[in-house]
Amino acid sequence: LYGGQVLGATGMRHMLDFTRHQYGMGAERISVDEVKGYGHSGLLRGFTSLLVHLPTEDLTLVVMGTTNTFNPALVLSHRDLGQPSILDLARQAVDLLAAA
């Protein structure tokens, strides 16, 4: 979707027009570890999900959980002492793919 294969330029501009209430046509502004992006979150019958595209990182991440008591963006950016976050690992994967 965010790679330009589904929507044309006009459709993408409409989807990412956040002039009202920080929400576009099916997309919302989302930050992960202070990196600004956009995507959509969901909550239904105790399940939580998040799809976020971080354009400056050229990275799209998805988190799904079987509870509604957590913040998926925080899950992506959380670091235990001395350990990388999921976002850090995804960045490393992108770097490895680019180097291949």
PDB file of N, CA and C in Angstrom:
ATOM      1  N   LEU A   1       0.832  -1.204   0.000  1.00  0.00           N
ATOM      2  CA  LEU A   1       0.000   0.000   0.000  1.00  0.00           C
ATOM      3  C   LEU A   1       0.866   1.253   0.000  1.00  0.00           C
ATOM      4  N   TYR A   2       1.836   1.320   0.885  1.00  0.00           N
ATOM      5  CA  TYR A   2       2.641   2.535   0.998  1.00  0.00           C
ATOM      6  C   TYR A   2       3.770   2.586  -0.026  1.00  0.00           C
ATOM      7  N   GLY A   3       3.950   1.523  -0.791  1.00  0.00           N
ATOM      8  CA  GLY A   3       4.970   1.500  -1.824  1.00  0.00           C
ATOM      9  C   GLY A   3       4.483   2.021  -3.166  1.00  0.00           C
ATOM     10  N   GLY A   4       3.226   2.479  -3.232  1.00  0.00           N
ATOM     11  CA  GLY A   4       2.707   3.068  -4.451  1.00  0.00           C
ATOM     12  C   GLY A   4       2.150   2.077  -5.459  1.00  0.00           C
ATOM     13  N   GLN A   5       1.955   0.827  -5.064  1.00  0.00           N
ATOM     14  CA  GLN A   5       1.451  -0.173  -5.996  1.00  0.00           C
ATOM     15  C   GLN A   5      -0.056  -0.339  -5.945  1.00  0.00           C
ATOM     16  N   VAL A   6      -0.708   0.210  -4.927  1.00  0.00           N
ATOM     17  CA  VAL A   6      -2.151   0.048  -4.780  1.00  0.00           C
ATOM     18  C   VAL A   6      -2.889   1.316  -5.184  1.00  0.00           C
ATOM     19  N   LEU A   7      -2.451   2.436  -4.666  1.00  0.00           N
ATOM     20  CA  LEU A   7      -3.081   3.727  -4.949  1.00  0.00           C
ATOM     21  C   LEU A   7      -2.190   4.562  -5.860  1.00  0.00           C
ATOM     22  N   GLY A   8      -2.818   5.388  -6.669  1.00  0.00           N
ATOM     23  CA  GLY A   8      -2.068   6.363  -7.447  1.00  0.00           C
ATOM     24  C   GLY A   8      -1.657   7.523  -6.558  1.00  0.00           C
ATOM     25  N   ALA A   9      -0.958   8.478  -7.131  1.00  0.00           N
ATOM     26  CA  ALA A   9      -0.460   9.624  -6.362  1.00  0.00           C
ATOM     27  C   ALA A   9      -1.596  10.421  -5.731  1.00  0.00           C
ATOM     28  N   THR A  10      -2.699  10.620  -6.457  1.00  0.00           N
ATOM     29  CA  THR A  10      -3.826  11.385  -5.921  1.00  0.00           C
ATOM     30  C   THR A  10      -4.467  10.650  -4.756  1.00  0.00           C
ATOM     31  N   GLY A  11      -4.687   9.358  -4.899  1.00  0.00           N
ATOM     32  CA  GLY A  11      -5.265   8.569  -3.814  1.00  0.00           C
ATOM     33  C   GLY A  11      -4.391   8.564  -2.583  1.00  0.00           C
ATOM     34  N   MET A  12      -3.094   8.452  -2.785  1.00  0.00           N
ATOM     35  CA  MET A  12      -2.155   8.461  -1.661  1.00  0.00           C
ATOM     36  C   MET A  12      -2.179   9.809  -0.947  1.00  0.00           C
ATOM     37  N   ARG A  13      -2.244  10.902  -1.708  1.00  0.00           N
ATOM     38  CA  ARG A  13      -2.329  12.236  -1.080  1.00  0.00           C
ATOM     39  C   ARG A  13      -3.595  12.351  -0.228  1.00  0.00           C
ATOM     40  N   HIS A  14      -4.724  11.865  -0.735  1.00  0.00           N
ATOM     41  CA  HIS A  14      -5.972  11.916   0.036  1.00  0.00           C
ATOM     42  C   HIS A  14      -5.866  11.072   1.303  1.00  0.00           C
ATOM     43  N   MET A  15      -5.289   9.883   1.171  1.00  0.00           N
ATOM     44  CA  MET A  15      -5.179   8.995   2.318  1.00  0.00           C
ATOM     45  C   MET A  15      -4.307   9.611   3.414  1.00  0.00           C
ATOM     46  N   LEU A  16      -3.281  10.353   3.007  1.00  0.00           N
ATOM     47  CA  LEU A  16      -2.334  10.912   3.975  1.00  0.00           C
ATOM     48  C   LEU A  16      -2.561  12.390   4.253  1.00  0.00           C
ATOM     49  N   ASP A  17      -3.739  12.890   3.928  1.00  0.00           N
ATOM     50  CA  ASP A  17      -4.095  14.285   4.228  1.00  0.00           C
ATOM     51  C   ASP A  17      -4.606  14.339   5.663  1.00  0.00           C
ATOM     52  N   PHE A  18      -3.745  14.747   6.576  1.00  0.00           N
ATOM     53  CA  PHE A  18      -4.067  14.760   8.004  1.00  0.00           C
ATOM     54  C   PHE A  18      -4.512  16.140   8.486  1.00  0.00           C
ATOM     55  N   THR A  19      -5.240  16.873   7.675  1.00  0.00           N
ATOM     56  CA  THR A  19      -5.614  18.233   8.058  1.00  0.00           C
ATOM     57  C   THR A  19      -6.705  18.265   9.122  1.00  0.00           C
ATOM     58  N   ARG A  20      -7.482  17.198   9.223  1.00  0.00           N
ATOM     59  CA  ARG A  20      -8.536  17.175  10.241  1.00  0.00           C
ATOM     60  C   ARG A  20      -8.296  16.054  11.246  1.00  0.00           C
ATOM     61  N   HIS A  21      -8.170  16.407  12.488  1.00  0.00           N
ATOM     62  CA  HIS A  21      -8.112  15.455  13.602  1.00  0.00           C
ATOM     63  C   HIS A  21      -6.972  14.443  13.497  1.00  0.00           C
ATOM     64  N   GLN A  22      -5.903  14.788  12.803  1.00  0.00           N
ATOM     65  CA  GLN A  22      -4.749  13.898  12.659  1.00  0.00           C
ATOM     66  C   GLN A  22      -5.109  12.559  12.028  1.00  0.00           C
ATOM     67  N   TYR A  23      -6.179  12.519  11.252  1.00  0.00           N
ATOM     68  CA  TYR A  23      -6.645  11.288  10.635  1.00  0.00           C
ATOM     69  C   TYR A  23      -6.937  11.538   9.173  1.00  0.00           C
ATOM     70  N   GLY A  24      -6.355  10.755   8.294  1.00  0.00           N
ATOM     71  CA  GLY A  24      -6.611  10.873   6.863  1.00  0.00           C
ATOM     72  C   GLY A  24      -7.718   9.918   6.453  1.00  0.00           C
ATOM     73  N   MET A  25      -7.731   9.541   5.199  1.00  0.00           N
ATOM     74  CA  MET A  25      -8.733   8.590   4.709  1.00  0.00           C
ATOM     75  C   MET A  25      -8.236   7.164   4.967  1.00  0.00           C
ATOM     76  N   GLY A  26      -8.495   6.662   6.166  1.00  0.00           N
ATOM     77  CA  GLY A  26      -8.077   5.320   6.533  1.00  0.00           C
ATOM     78  C   GLY A  26      -6.693   5.228   7.125  1.00  0.00           C
ATOM     79  N   ALA A  27      -6.062   6.348   7.382  1.00  0.00           N
ATOM     80  CA  ALA A  27      -4.719   6.348   7.974  1.00  0.00           C
ATOM     81  C   ALA A  27      -4.661   7.378   9.092  1.00  0.00           C
ATOM     82  N   GLU A  28      -3.802   7.121  10.047  1.00  0.00           N
ATOM     83  CA  GLU A  28      -3.610   8.052  11.156  1.00  0.00           C
ATOM     84  C   GLU A  28      -2.116   8.246  11.382  1.00  0.00           C
ATOM     85  N   ARG A  29      -1.771   9.358  11.985  1.00  0.00           N
ATOM     86  CA  ARG A  29      -0.365   9.615  12.327  1.00  0.00           C
ATOM     87  C   ARG A  29       0.006   8.742  13.517  1.00  0.00           C
ATOM     88  N   ILE A  30       1.164   8.117  13.408  1.00  0.00           N
ATOM     89  CA  ILE A  30       1.649   7.224  14.463  1.00  0.00           C
ATOM     90  C   ILE A  30       3.145   7.448  14.594  1.00  0.00           C
ATOM     91  N   SER A  31       3.636   7.534  15.824  1.00  0.00           N
ATOM     92  CA  SER A  31       5.076   7.645  16.068  1.00  0.00           C
ATOM     93  C   SER A  31       5.554   6.410  16.812  1.00  0.00           C
ATOM     94  N   VAL A  32       6.722   5.923  16.427  1.00  0.00           N
ATOM     95  CA  VAL A  32       7.365   4.802  17.106  1.00  0.00           C
ATOM     96  C   VAL A  32       8.768   5.253  17.454  1.00  0.00           C
ATOM     97  N   ASP A  33       9.063   5.289  18.740  1.00  0.00           N
ATOM     98  CA  ASP A  33      10.391   5.702  19.205  1.00  0.00           C
ATOM     99  C   ASP A  33      10.760   7.068  18.626  1.00  0.00           C
ATOM    100  N   GLU A  34       9.827   7.976  18.626  1.00  0.00           N
ATOM    101  CA  GLU A  34       9.968   9.345  18.131  1.00  0.00           C
ATOM    102  C   GLU A  34      10.149   9.431  16.617  1.00  0.00           C
ATOM    103  N   VAL A  35      10.001   8.323  15.897  1.00  0.00           N
ATOM    104  CA  VAL A  35      10.046   8.321  14.439  1.00  0.00           C
ATOM    105  C   VAL A  35       8.609   8.473  13.954  1.00  0.00           C
ATOM    106  N   LYS A  36       8.355   9.506  13.168  1.00  0.00           N
ATOM    107  CA  LYS A  36       7.000   9.786  12.716  1.00  0.00           C
ATOM    108  C   LYS A  36       6.630   8.902  11.535  1.00  0.00           C
ATOM    109  N   GLY A  37       5.406   8.399  11.587  1.00  0.00           N
ATOM    110  CA  GLY A  37       4.911   7.553  10.520  1.00  0.00           C
ATOM    111  C   GLY A  37       3.400   7.651  10.436  1.00  0.00           C
ATOM    112  N   TYR A  38       2.825   6.699   9.737  1.00  0.00           N
ATOM    113  CA  TYR A  38       1.374   6.656   9.587  1.00  0.00           C
ATOM    114  C   TYR A  38       0.953   5.224   9.335  1.00  0.00           C
ATOM    115  N   GLY A  39      -0.292   4.965   9.582  1.00  0.00           N
ATOM    116  CA  GLY A  39      -0.831   3.623   9.409  1.00  0.00           C
ATOM    117  C   GLY A  39      -2.208   3.553  10.007  1.00  0.00           C
ATOM    118  N   HIS A  40      -2.486   2.440  10.661  1.00  0.00           N
ATOM    119  CA  HIS A  40      -3.801   2.279  11.274  1.00  0.00           C
ATOM    120  C   HIS A  40      -3.697   1.310  12.433  1.00  0.00           C
ATOM    121  N   SER A  41      -4.416   1.624  13.486  1.00  0.00           N
ATOM    122  CA  SER A  41      -4.488   0.734  14.638  1.00  0.00           C
ATOM    123  C   SER A  41      -5.898   0.178  14.716  1.00  0.00           C
ATOM    124  N   GLY A  42      -6.031  -0.907  15.452  1.00  0.00           N
ATOM    125  CA  GLY A  42      -7.350  -1.500  15.577  1.00  0.00           C
ATOM    126  C   GLY A  42      -7.542  -2.154  16.926  1.00  0.00           C
ATOM    127  N   LEU A  43      -8.783  -2.194  17.359  1.00  0.00           N
ATOM    128  CA  LEU A  43      -9.141  -2.809  18.627  1.00  0.00           C
ATOM    129  C   LEU A  43     -10.512  -3.430  18.439  1.00  0.00           C
ATOM    130  N   LEU A  44     -10.606  -4.740  18.630  1.00  0.00           N
ATOM    131  CA  LEU A  44     -11.879  -5.418  18.446  1.00  0.00           C
ATOM    132  C   LEU A  44     -11.931  -6.650  19.331  1.00  0.00           C
ATOM    133  N   ARG A  45     -12.923  -6.706  20.182  1.00  0.00           N
ATOM    134  CA  ARG A  45     -13.196  -7.872  21.035  1.00  0.00           C
ATOM    135  C   ARG A  45     -11.964  -8.370  21.780  1.00  0.00           C
ATOM    136  N   GLY A  46     -11.194  -7.440  22.298  1.00  0.00           N
ATOM    137  CA  GLY A  46     -10.031  -7.799  23.104  1.00  0.00           C
ATOM    138  C   GLY A  46      -8.748  -7.992  22.333  1.00  0.00           C
ATOM    139  N   PHE A  47      -8.774  -7.845  21.021  1.00  0.00           N
ATOM    140  CA  PHE A  47      -7.570  -7.969  20.207  1.00  0.00           C
ATOM    141  C   PHE A  47      -7.112  -6.580  19.782  1.00  0.00           C
ATOM    142  N   THR A  48      -5.805  -6.386  19.705  1.00  0.00           N
ATOM    143  CA  THR A  48      -5.229  -5.107  19.321  1.00  0.00           C
ATOM    144  C   THR A  48      -4.277  -5.325  18.146  1.00  0.00           C
ATOM    145  N   SER A  49      -4.266  -4.378  17.212  1.00  0.00           N
ATOM    146  CA  SER A  49      -3.342  -4.480  16.087  1.00  0.00           C
ATOM    147  C   SER A  49      -2.848  -3.090  15.697  1.00  0.00           C
ATOM    148  N   LEU A  50      -1.723  -3.076  15.025  1.00  0.00           N
ATOM    149  CA  LEU A  50      -1.143  -1.831  14.522  1.00  0.00           C
ATOM    150  C   LEU A  50      -0.338  -2.142  13.270  1.00  0.00           C
ATOM    151  N   LEU A  51      -0.582  -1.394  12.228  1.00  0.00           N
ATOM    152  CA  LEU A  51       0.270  -1.383  11.041  1.00  0.00           C
ATOM    153  C   LEU A  51       0.785   0.037  10.938  1.00  0.00           C
ATOM    154  N   VAL A  52       2.099   0.191  10.916  1.00  0.00           N
ATOM    155  CA  VAL A  52       2.696   1.527  10.838  1.00  0.00           C
ATOM    156  C   VAL A  52       3.786   1.529   9.782  1.00  0.00           C
ATOM    157  N   HIS A  53       3.758   2.551   8.938  1.00  0.00           N
ATOM    158  CA  HIS A  53       4.803   2.759   7.936  1.00  0.00           C
ATOM    159  C   HIS A  53       5.637   3.946   8.386  1.00  0.00           C
ATOM    160  N   LEU A  54       6.938   3.753   8.442  1.00  0.00           N
ATOM    161  CA  LEU A  54       7.873   4.805   8.829  1.00  0.00           C
ATOM    162  C   LEU A  54       8.637   5.211   7.570  1.00  0.00           C
ATOM    163  N   PRO A  55       8.189   6.260   6.879  1.00  0.00           N
ATOM    164  CA  PRO A  55       8.775   6.589   5.574  1.00  0.00           C
ATOM    165  C   PRO A  55      10.257   6.936   5.631  1.00  0.00           C
ATOM    166  N   THR A  56      10.722   7.584   6.684  1.00  0.00           N
ATOM    167  CA  THR A  56      12.148   7.934   6.748  1.00  0.00           C
ATOM    168  C   THR A  56      13.016   6.695   6.914  1.00  0.00           C
ATOM    169  N   GLU A  57      12.428   5.615   7.414  1.00  0.00           N
ATOM    170  CA  GLU A  57      13.155   4.359   7.604  1.00  0.00           C
ATOM    171  C   GLU A  57      12.895   3.394   6.436  1.00  0.00           C
ATOM    172  N   ASP A  58      11.937   3.735   5.566  1.00  0.00           N
ATOM    173  CA  ASP A  58      11.476   2.842   4.495  1.00  0.00           C
ATOM    174  C   ASP A  58      11.119   1.481   5.087  1.00  0.00           C
ATOM    175  N   LEU A  59      10.269   1.524   6.127  1.00  0.00           N
ATOM    176  CA  LEU A  59       9.983   0.350   6.928  1.00  0.00           C
ATOM    177  C   LEU A  59       8.507   0.328   7.299  1.00  0.00           C
ATOM    178  N   THR A  60       7.885  -0.826   7.163  1.00  0.00           N
ATOM    179  CA  THR A  60       6.500  -1.019   7.596  1.00  0.00           C
ATOM    180  C   THR A  60       6.485  -2.160   8.597  1.00  0.00           C
ATOM    181  N   LEU A  61       5.860  -1.932   9.740  1.00  0.00           N
ATOM    182  CA  LEU A  61       5.807  -2.921  10.816  1.00  0.00           C
ATOM    183  C   LEU A  61       4.361  -3.212  11.197  1.00  0.00           C
ATOM    184  N   VAL A  62       4.118  -4.449  11.637  1.00  0.00           N
ATOM    185  CA  VAL A  62       2.790  -4.857  12.088  1.00  0.00           C
ATOM    186  C   VAL A  62       2.935  -5.528  13.444  1.00  0.00           C
ATOM    187  N   VAL A  63       2.051  -5.183  14.368  1.00  0.00           N
ATOM    188  CA  VAL A  63       1.989  -5.826  15.677  1.00  0.00           C
ATOM    189  C   VAL A  63       0.548  -6.244  15.906  1.00  0.00           C
ATOM    190  N   MET A  64       0.358  -7.463  16.376  1.00  0.00           N
ATOM    191  CA  MET A  64      -0.983  -7.932  16.739  1.00  0.00           C
ATOM    192  C   MET A  64      -0.894  -8.592  18.109  1.00  0.00           C
ATOM    193  N   GLY A  65      -1.913  -8.385  18.911  1.00  0.00           N
ATOM    194  CA  GLY A  65      -1.923  -8.965  20.241  1.00  0.00           C
ATOM    195  C   GLY A  65      -3.287  -9.484  20.630  1.00  0.00           C
ATOM    196  N   THR A  66      -3.285 -10.394  21.570  1.00  0.00           N
ATOM    197  CA  THR A  66      -4.535 -11.007  22.018  1.00  0.00           C
ATOM    198  C   THR A  66      -5.065 -10.374  23.294  1.00  0.00           C
ATOM    199  N   THR A  67      -4.726  -9.128  23.492  1.00  0.00           N
ATOM    200  CA  THR A  67      -5.250  -8.359  24.613  1.00  0.00           C
ATOM    201  C   THR A  67      -5.359  -6.908  24.181  1.00  0.00           C
ATOM    202  N   ASN A  68      -6.179  -6.164  24.846  1.00  0.00           N
ATOM    203  CA  ASN A  68      -6.305  -4.744  24.514  1.00  0.00           C
ATOM    204  C   ASN A  68      -5.676  -3.869  25.582  1.00  0.00           C
ATOM    205  N   THR A  69      -4.781  -4.435  26.374  1.00  0.00           N
ATOM    206  CA  THR A  69      -4.196  -3.677  27.488  1.00  0.00           C
ATOM    207  C   THR A  69      -2.752  -3.267  27.231  1.00  0.00           C
ATOM    208  N   PHE A  70      -2.362  -3.153  25.964  1.00  0.00           N
ATOM    209  CA  PHE A  70      -1.006  -2.715  25.672  1.00  0.00           C
ATOM    210  C   PHE A  70      -1.021  -1.712  24.527  1.00  0.00           C
ATOM    211  N   ASN A  71       0.070  -0.976  24.412  1.00  0.00           N
ATOM    212  CA  ASN A  71       0.237   0.002  23.353  1.00  0.00           C
ATOM    213  C   ASN A  71       1.200  -0.593  22.325  1.00  0.00           C
ATOM    214  N   PRO A  72       0.705  -0.963  21.129  1.00  0.00           N
ATOM    215  CA  PRO A  72       1.574  -1.616  20.154  1.00  0.00           C
ATOM    216  C   PRO A  72       2.798  -0.792  19.758  1.00  0.00           C
ATOM    217  N   ALA A  73       2.671   0.529  19.678  1.00  0.00           N
ATOM    218  CA  ALA A  73       3.827   1.363  19.320  1.00  0.00           C
ATOM    219  C   ALA A  73       4.911   1.263  20.386  1.00  0.00           C
ATOM    220  N   LEU A  74       4.512   1.146  21.639  1.00  0.00           N
ATOM    221  CA  LEU A  74       5.497   0.973  22.716  1.00  0.00           C
ATOM    222  C   LEU A  74       6.156  -0.399  22.652  1.00  0.00           C
ATOM    223  N   VAL A  75       5.406  -1.414  22.240  1.00  0.00           N
ATOM    224  CA  VAL A  75       5.980  -2.751  22.076  1.00  0.00           C
ATOM    225  C   VAL A  75       7.107  -2.695  21.042  1.00  0.00           C
ATOM    226  N   LEU A  76       6.890  -1.971  19.949  1.00  0.00           N
ATOM    227  CA  LEU A  76       7.901  -1.872  18.892  1.00  0.00           C
ATOM    228  C   LEU A  76       9.161  -1.146  19.344  1.00  0.00           C
ATOM    229  N   SER A  77       9.026  -0.193  20.251  1.00  0.00           N
ATOM    230  CA  SER A  77      10.171   0.627  20.650  1.00  0.00           C
ATOM    231  C   SER A  77      10.787   0.235  21.992  1.00  0.00           C
ATOM    232  N   HIS A  78      10.169  -0.682  22.723  1.00  0.00           N
ATOM    233  CA  HIS A  78      10.664  -1.056  24.057  1.00  0.00           C
ATOM    234  C   HIS A  78      12.028  -1.743  23.969  1.00  0.00           C
ATOM    235  N   ARG A  79      12.930  -1.333  24.859  1.00  0.00           N
ATOM    236  CA  ARG A  79      14.256  -1.948  24.952  1.00  0.00           C
ATOM    237  C   ARG A  79      14.508  -2.389  26.386  1.00  0.00           C
ATOM    238  N   ASP A  80      14.751  -3.684  26.580  1.00  0.00           N
ATOM    239  CA  ASP A  80      15.252  -4.143  27.870  1.00  0.00           C
ATOM    240  C   ASP A  80      16.710  -3.728  27.959  1.00  0.00           C
ATOM    241  N   LEU A  81      17.231  -3.657  29.152  1.00  0.00           N
ATOM    242  CA  LEU A  81      18.595  -3.202  29.371  1.00  0.00           C
ATOM    243  C   LEU A  81      19.580  -3.978  28.492  1.00  0.00           C
ATOM    244  N   GLY A  82      20.256  -3.261  27.623  1.00  0.00           N
ATOM    245  CA  GLY A  82      21.265  -3.863  26.774  1.00  0.00           C
ATOM    246  C   GLY A  82      20.727  -4.642  25.582  1.00  0.00           C
ATOM    247  N   GLN A  83      19.425  -4.620  25.372  1.00  0.00           N
ATOM    248  CA  GLN A  83      18.824  -5.390  24.283  1.00  0.00           C
ATOM    249  C   GLN A  83      18.214  -4.454  23.245  1.00  0.00           C
ATOM    250  N   PRO A  84      18.172  -4.872  21.983  1.00  0.00           N
ATOM    251  CA  PRO A  84      17.556  -4.035  20.950  1.00  0.00           C
ATOM    252  C   PRO A  84      16.035  -4.115  21.007  1.00  0.00           C
ATOM    253  N   SER A  85      15.398  -3.105  20.496  1.00  0.00           N
ATOM    254  CA  SER A  85      13.938  -3.130  20.356  1.00  0.00           C
ATOM    255  C   SER A  85      13.572  -3.859  19.065  1.00  0.00           C
ATOM    256  N   ILE A  86      12.306  -4.139  18.877  1.00  0.00           N
ATOM    257  CA  ILE A  86      11.839  -4.717  17.615  1.00  0.00           C
ATOM    258  C   ILE A  86      12.155  -3.752  16.475  1.00  0.00           C
ATOM    259  N   LEU A  87      11.978  -2.453  16.710  1.00  0.00           N
ATOM    260  CA  LEU A  87      12.311  -1.460  15.693  1.00  0.00           C
ATOM    261  C   LEU A  87      13.799  -1.518  15.342  1.00  0.00           C
ATOM    262  N   ASP A  88      14.663  -1.644  16.345  1.00  0.00           N
ATOM    263  CA  ASP A  88      16.103  -1.763  16.089  1.00  0.00           C
ATOM    264  C   ASP A  88      16.406  -2.979  15.221  1.00  0.00           C
ATOM    265  N   LEU A  89      15.773  -4.110  15.528  1.00  0.00           N
ATOM    266  CA  LEU A  89      16.004  -5.335  14.757  1.00  0.00           C
ATOM    267  C   LEU A  89      15.500  -5.188  13.328  1.00  0.00           C
ATOM    268  N   ALA A  90      14.365  -4.522  13.152  1.00  0.00           N
ATOM    269  CA  ALA A  90      13.834  -4.299  11.806  1.00  0.00           C
ATOM    270  C   ALA A  90      14.772  -3.394  11.007  1.00  0.00           C
ATOM    271  N   ARG A  91      15.320  -2.378  11.651  1.00  0.00           N
ATOM    272  CA  ARG A  91      16.288  -1.501  10.978  1.00  0.00           C
ATOM    273  C   ARG A  91      17.512  -2.295  10.527  1.00  0.00           C
ATOM    274  N   GLN A  92      17.997  -3.190  11.389  1.00  0.00           N
ATOM    275  CA  GLN A  92      19.148  -4.018  11.039  1.00  0.00           C
ATOM    276  C   GLN A  92      18.819  -4.914   9.845  1.00  0.00           C
ATOM    277  N   ALA A  93      17.611  -5.447   9.810  1.00  0.00           N
ATOM    278  CA  ALA A  93      17.202  -6.305   8.691  1.00  0.00           C
ATOM    279  C   ALA A  93      17.177  -5.519   7.397  1.00  0.00           C
ATOM    280  N   VAL A  94      16.657  -4.287   7.438  1.00  0.00           N
ATOM    281  CA  VAL A  94      16.638  -3.436   6.241  1.00  0.00           C
ATOM    282  C   VAL A  94      18.062  -3.165   5.765  1.00  0.00           C
ATOM    283  N   ASP A  95      18.967  -2.880   6.702  1.00  0.00           N
ATOM    284  CA  ASP A  95      20.364  -2.627   6.332  1.00  0.00           C
ATOM    285  C   ASP A  95      21.001  -3.861   5.696  1.00  0.00           C
ATOM    286  N   LEU A  96      20.718  -5.041   6.238  1.00  0.00           N
ATOM    287  CA  LEU A  96      21.257  -6.272   5.676  1.00  0.00           C
ATOM    288  C   LEU A  96      20.732  -6.533   4.273  1.00  0.00           C
ATOM    289  N   LEU A  97      19.435  -6.287   4.054  1.00  0.00           N
ATOM    290  CA  LEU A  97      18.852  -6.476   2.729  1.00  0.00           C
ATOM    291  C   LEU A  97      19.438  -5.487   1.723  1.00  0.00           C
ATOM    292  N   ALA A  98      19.677  -4.268   2.172  1.00  0.00           N
ATOM    293  CA  ALA A  98      20.239  -3.257   1.281  1.00  0.00           C
ATOM    294  C   ALA A  98      21.679  -3.591   0.898  1.00  0.00           C
ATOM    295  N   ALA A  99      22.400  -4.224   1.805  1.00  0.00           N
ATOM    296  CA  ALA A  99      23.795  -4.573   1.562  1.00  0.00           C
ATOM    297  C   ALA A  99      23.930  -5.817   0.679  1.00  0.00           C
ATOM    298  N   ALA A 100      22.868  -6.613   0.616  1.00  0.00           N
ATOM    299  CA  ALA A 100      22.939  -7.890  -0.146  1.00  0.00           C
ATOM    300  C   ALA A 100      22.917  -7.672  -1.639  1.00  0.00           C
TER     301      ALA A 100
END
